[in-house]
Protein backbone atom coordinates (compact mmCIF):
# COMPACT_ATOMS: atom_id res chain seq x y z
CA MET A 1 53.20 4.32 -138.36
CA LYS A 2 55.19 6.81 -136.23
CA GLY A 3 52.17 9.00 -135.86
CA LYS A 4 50.09 6.14 -134.44
CA ILE A 5 52.70 5.40 -131.71
CA LYS A 6 52.89 9.06 -130.72
CA LYS A 7 49.13 9.28 -130.64
CA LYS A 8 48.90 6.08 -128.55
CA LEU A 9 51.50 7.35 -126.00
CA LYS A 10 49.80 10.74 -125.68
CA SER A 11 46.41 9.20 -125.07
CA GLN A 12 47.60 7.06 -122.12
CA LYS A 13 47.92 9.63 -119.34
CA GLY A 14 48.54 8.66 -115.71
CA PHE A 15 50.03 5.63 -113.98
CA THR A 16 49.07 2.01 -114.34
CA MET A 17 48.61 -0.28 -111.34
CA GLN A 18 51.89 -2.02 -112.21
CA ASP A 19 53.76 1.30 -112.08
CA LEU A 20 52.32 2.06 -108.66
CA ILE A 21 53.14 -1.39 -107.26
CA ILE A 22 56.73 -1.20 -108.51
CA ALA A 23 57.16 2.31 -107.07
CA CYS A 24 55.75 1.22 -103.69
CA LEU A 25 58.03 -1.82 -103.66
CA ILE A 26 61.13 0.27 -104.38
CA PHE A 27 60.10 2.81 -101.73
CA THR A 28 59.58 0.03 -99.15
CA ILE A 29 63.00 -1.49 -99.85
CA PHE A 30 64.79 1.84 -99.46
CA ALA A 31 62.78 2.82 -96.36
CA SER A 32 63.58 -0.48 -94.63
CA LEU A 33 67.24 -0.15 -95.54
CA ILE A 34 67.43 3.40 -94.17
CA GLY A 35 65.52 2.34 -91.04
CA THR A 36 67.93 -0.51 -90.39
CA LEU A 37 70.95 1.75 -90.84
CA MET A 38 69.49 4.34 -88.46
CA TYR A 39 68.75 1.69 -85.82
CA ASN A 40 72.26 0.22 -86.04
CA SER A 41 73.78 3.68 -85.78
CA TYR A 42 71.67 4.48 -82.70
CA TYR A 43 72.52 1.13 -81.08
CA ASN A 44 76.27 1.55 -81.64
CA ASN A 45 76.19 5.12 -80.29
CA LEU A 46 74.31 3.95 -77.20
CA ARG A 47 76.83 1.15 -76.57
CA ALA A 48 79.73 3.59 -76.92
CA GLU A 49 78.11 6.03 -74.52
CA LEU A 50 77.41 3.32 -71.93
CA SER A 51 80.99 2.04 -72.19
CA ALA A 52 82.39 5.55 -71.80
CA ASN A 53 80.24 6.10 -68.70
CA MET A 54 81.36 2.76 -67.32
CA THR A 55 85.00 3.82 -67.68
CA ILE A 56 84.31 7.17 -66.02
CA TYR A 57 82.66 5.45 -63.03
CA ALA A 58 85.62 3.06 -62.71
CA VAL A 59 88.09 5.97 -62.69
CA LYS A 60 86.07 7.78 -60.00
CA ILE A 61 85.96 4.67 -57.82
CA LEU A 62 89.69 3.96 -58.22
CA GLU A 63 90.58 7.59 -57.43
CA ASP A 64 88.48 7.40 -54.28
CA LEU A 65 90.19 4.14 -53.27
CA ASP A 66 93.53 5.91 -53.66
CA LYS A 67 92.39 8.76 -51.38
CA ILE A 68 91.05 6.73 -48.49
CA SER A 69 93.22 5.03 -45.88
CA TYR A 70 94.38 1.43 -46.02
CA GLU A 71 92.05 0.40 -43.21
CA GLU A 72 88.99 2.01 -44.83
CA VAL A 73 89.47 0.10 -48.08
CA GLN A 74 88.33 -3.17 -46.49
CA THR A 75 84.98 -1.66 -45.48
CA LYS A 76 83.98 -0.35 -48.94
CA THR A 77 81.53 -2.24 -51.17
CA GLY A 78 80.19 -1.83 -54.68
CA THR A 79 76.84 -0.70 -53.28
CA ASP A 80 78.55 2.09 -51.33
CA TYR A 81 80.11 3.41 -54.53
CA LYS A 82 76.86 3.12 -56.50
CA GLU A 83 75.23 5.42 -53.94
CA GLN A 84 78.22 7.73 -53.54
CA PHE A 85 78.62 8.45 -57.27
CA ASP A 86 74.91 8.10 -58.23
CA ILE A 87 75.61 5.25 -60.65
CA PRO A 88 72.36 4.35 -62.50
CA ALA A 89 70.53 1.09 -61.81
CA GLY A 90 71.48 -0.36 -65.20
CA TYR A 91 75.09 -0.70 -64.09
CA SER A 92 76.35 -3.28 -61.62
CA VAL A 93 79.42 -2.61 -59.48
CA GLU A 94 81.36 -5.41 -57.81
CA LEU A 95 84.28 -4.65 -55.52
CA ASN A 96 86.34 -7.52 -54.14
CA ILE A 97 89.21 -6.82 -51.76
CA SER A 98 91.64 -9.51 -50.66
CA ASN A 99 94.96 -9.56 -48.84
CA TYR A 100 98.07 -9.95 -50.97
CA GLY A 101 99.70 -13.29 -50.22
CA GLU A 102 96.54 -14.69 -48.68
CA GLY A 103 97.14 -18.24 -47.46
CA VAL A 104 100.89 -17.73 -47.04
CA GLU A 105 102.16 -18.10 -43.47
CA ASN A 106 103.93 -15.26 -41.62
CA ILE A 107 103.19 -12.56 -44.17
CA GLU A 108 102.38 -9.05 -43.03
CA ASP A 109 99.16 -7.34 -44.03
CA ILE A 110 100.72 -4.47 -45.99
CA MET A 111 99.06 -4.88 -49.41
CA LYS A 112 95.54 -5.51 -50.61
CA ILE A 113 94.38 -6.55 -54.07
CA ILE A 114 91.38 -4.60 -55.28
CA ASN A 115 89.28 -6.17 -58.05
CA LEU A 116 86.71 -3.82 -59.56
CA LYS A 117 84.14 -5.00 -62.08
CA ILE A 118 81.56 -2.68 -63.60
CA SER A 119 79.06 -4.05 -66.09
CA TYR A 120 75.82 -3.26 -67.89
CA THR A 121 73.43 -5.31 -69.98
CA LEU A 122 71.95 -4.01 -73.22
CA GLN A 123 69.56 -6.23 -75.18
CA GLY A 124 70.83 -9.41 -73.59
CA GLU A 125 74.52 -8.59 -74.15
CA THR A 126 76.63 -7.91 -71.07
CA GLU A 127 79.61 -5.59 -71.33
CA ASP A 128 82.21 -5.76 -68.53
CA PHE A 129 85.00 -3.46 -67.46
CA VAL A 130 87.40 -5.21 -65.08
CA VAL A 131 90.42 -3.65 -63.41
CA GLN A 132 92.77 -4.83 -60.69
CA ARG A 133 94.81 -2.58 -58.44
CA LEU A 134 97.05 -2.80 -55.39
CA LYS A 135 96.53 -0.74 -52.25
CA ILE A 136 99.72 -0.48 -50.20
CA LYS A 137 99.76 0.37 -46.52
CA GLU A 138 101.53 3.61 -45.76
CA MET A 139 104.06 3.35 -42.97
């Protein structure tokens, strides 16, 4: 009886259609899993890089606002800084400057509140970086 089984196994060389289908199915599952992991890794790296760049642009803008005079601050806009620092089109820069104590009577114009918002949109998700700073008039 043992001899017949050995003989039967030796005579069936090659793969059956079922073997090939199962192998292709396993390969497809692993390939899709690896593809998904690679895509998620790329997407997370891209988001981190865009966020890091956004922070760098914000630091450059805030350093420039510290350098310029109190009177010049009021004239600056987000568009000016986009051009000055060659910020790519994917980023939006909003710069709002208001007087400290606005609406209060008899208050001197010696401080301004600077609100800076830099944002980008990636696949429908918007990431914002918002910072607020005071600019004090030098006397």
